[in-house]
Amino acid sequence: MEKYGKAFASLAGAVLVALYAALGGDNHVDPEEWVQIGIAAATAAGVYLVPIAPQYRWGKTAVAVILAVLQALATTVLGGLDSGEWIVLVLAGLTAAGVAFAPAVSDNGIASRTPVTAD
């Protein structure tokens, strides 16, 4: 969990969005929900693929936040906000927060919580 915490947090968010889209409401995944699932999957993939660089330890969090904002925009623009849409927005926000607070270590040995030292 120490190495892949951010990836697991983003994957959990994607799974929850997909489950909500499939099982919530009418038990049918409509085009707007496919867009929501796609953005959640892109969040999980992006957070996993972005390495932690010493000068950009916030890179994985930035990916999650940018895609959470995109999720909010897509949800409100494509279908407007109803009571069910708020759940997707909450899940997107929780995913970004989970990525921000979860630990991670990239293959280059840089950890998200290790302080930067001046050489």
Protein backbone atom coordinates (compact mmCIF):
# COMPACT_ATOMS: atom_id res chain seq x y z
CA MET A 1 0.00 0.00 0.00
CA GLU A 2 2.93 2.34 0.69
CA LYS A 3 4.09 2.15 -2.93
CA TYR A 4 0.76 2.21 -4.77
CA GLY A 5 -1.52 4.10 -2.38
CA LYS A 6 -2.36 6.87 -4.83
CA ALA A 7 -3.04 4.37 -7.63
CA PHE A 8 -5.30 2.30 -5.35
CA ALA A 9 -7.21 5.42 -4.27
CA SER A 10 -7.84 6.44 -7.88
CA LEU A 11 -8.78 2.89 -8.87
CA ALA A 12 -11.25 2.67 -5.98
CA GLY A 13 -12.84 5.91 -7.17
CA ALA A 14 -13.14 4.58 -10.72
CA VAL A 15 -14.73 1.34 -9.52
CA LEU A 16 -17.23 3.25 -7.37
CA VAL A 17 -18.19 5.54 -10.28
CA ALA A 18 -18.64 2.51 -12.57
CA LEU A 19 -20.71 0.65 -9.98
CA TYR A 20 -22.87 3.68 -9.36
CA ALA A 21 -23.41 4.17 -13.09
CA ALA A 22 -24.31 0.52 -13.59
CA LEU A 23 -26.39 -0.09 -10.48
CA GLY A 24 -27.71 3.32 -9.46
CA GLY A 25 -30.93 4.79 -10.72
CA ASP A 26 -32.27 2.91 -13.74
CA ASN A 27 -29.73 0.01 -13.77
CA HIS A 28 -28.70 1.09 -17.26
CA VAL A 29 -25.49 2.83 -18.32
CA ASP A 30 -26.44 5.74 -20.57
CA PRO A 31 -24.01 7.81 -22.71
CA GLU A 32 -23.45 10.44 -20.00
CA GLU A 33 -22.55 7.68 -17.52
CA TRP A 34 -20.10 6.18 -20.04
CA VAL A 35 -18.36 9.56 -20.15
CA GLN A 36 -18.22 9.59 -16.34
CA ILE A 37 -16.79 6.06 -16.29
CA GLY A 38 -14.25 6.99 -18.98
CA ILE A 39 -13.04 10.02 -17.02
CA ALA A 40 -12.79 7.95 -13.83
CA ALA A 41 -10.79 5.28 -15.70
CA ALA A 42 -8.53 7.98 -17.19
CA THR A 43 -7.98 9.31 -13.66
CA ALA A 44 -6.92 5.87 -12.42
CA ALA A 45 -4.62 5.32 -15.40
CA GLY A 46 -3.13 8.81 -15.22
CA VAL A 47 -2.42 8.63 -11.51
CA TYR A 48 -0.76 5.24 -11.96
CA LEU A 49 1.34 6.29 -14.97
CA VAL A 50 2.59 9.68 -13.77
CA PRO A 51 5.91 9.21 -11.97
CA ILE A 52 6.77 11.13 -8.83
CA ALA A 53 9.55 13.53 -9.74
CA PRO A 54 11.53 15.21 -6.95
CA GLN A 55 10.45 18.69 -8.03
CA TYR A 56 6.85 17.71 -8.85
CA ARG A 57 5.74 15.45 -5.99
CA TRP A 58 2.24 16.82 -6.50
CA GLY A 59 2.00 15.47 -10.09
CA LYS A 60 -0.28 12.51 -9.29
CA THR A 61 -2.55 14.75 -7.22
CA ALA A 62 -2.67 17.32 -10.04
CA VAL A 63 -3.81 14.62 -12.49
CA ALA A 64 -6.57 13.55 -10.08
CA VAL A 65 -7.74 17.11 -9.42
CA ILE A 66 -7.73 18.12 -13.11
CA LEU A 67 -9.76 15.06 -14.05
CA ALA A 68 -12.12 15.57 -11.09
CA VAL A 69 -12.82 19.07 -12.43
CA LEU A 70 -13.36 17.59 -15.90
CA GLN A 71 -15.73 15.03 -14.33
CA ALA A 72 -17.69 17.88 -12.73
CA LEU A 73 -17.82 19.85 -15.96
CA ALA A 74 -18.85 16.83 -18.05
CA THR A 75 -21.54 15.89 -15.56
CA THR A 76 -23.06 19.36 -15.37
CA VAL A 77 -22.75 20.23 -19.07
CA LEU A 78 -23.87 16.90 -20.54
CA GLY A 79 -26.89 16.22 -18.39
CA GLY A 80 -27.36 18.96 -15.87
CA LEU A 81 -27.41 18.35 -12.16
CA ASP A 82 -30.01 16.17 -10.54
CA SER A 83 -29.86 14.41 -7.19
CA GLY A 84 -28.05 11.39 -8.66
CA GLU A 85 -25.37 13.49 -10.32
CA TRP A 86 -24.23 14.89 -6.98
CA ILE A 87 -23.06 11.41 -5.99
CA VAL A 88 -20.69 11.27 -8.98
CA LEU A 89 -19.32 14.70 -8.10
CA VAL A 90 -18.77 13.63 -4.48
CA LEU A 91 -17.01 10.47 -5.68
CA ALA A 92 -14.76 12.55 -7.97
CA GLY A 93 -13.87 14.87 -5.11
CA LEU A 94 -13.21 12.00 -2.72
CA THR A 95 -11.02 10.32 -5.33
CA ALA A 96 -8.89 13.46 -5.72
CA ALA A 97 -8.66 13.82 -1.93
CA GLY A 98 -7.74 10.15 -1.56
CA VAL A 99 -4.97 10.54 -4.12
CA ALA A 100 -3.71 13.67 -2.36
CA PHE A 101 -3.41 11.97 1.02
CA ALA A 102 -2.40 8.44 0.00
CA PRO A 103 1.27 7.46 -0.01
CA ALA A 104 3.17 6.46 -3.14
CA VAL A 105 6.68 5.61 -4.27
CA SER A 106 7.66 5.67 -7.95
CA ASP A 107 10.01 3.18 -9.56
CA ASN A 108 12.67 5.90 -9.43
CA GLY A 109 12.60 5.62 -5.61
CA ILE A 110 11.02 9.02 -5.06
CA ALA A 111 8.24 9.00 -2.48
CA SER A 112 5.36 11.44 -2.39
CA ARG A 113 6.08 12.34 1.21
CA THR A 114 9.89 12.46 1.18
CA PRO A 115 11.13 16.03 1.63
CA VAL A 116 13.17 17.55 -1.18
CA THR A 117 16.78 18.11 -0.22
CA ALA A 118 19.03 20.68 -1.84
CA ASP A 119 22.21 19.26 -3.37
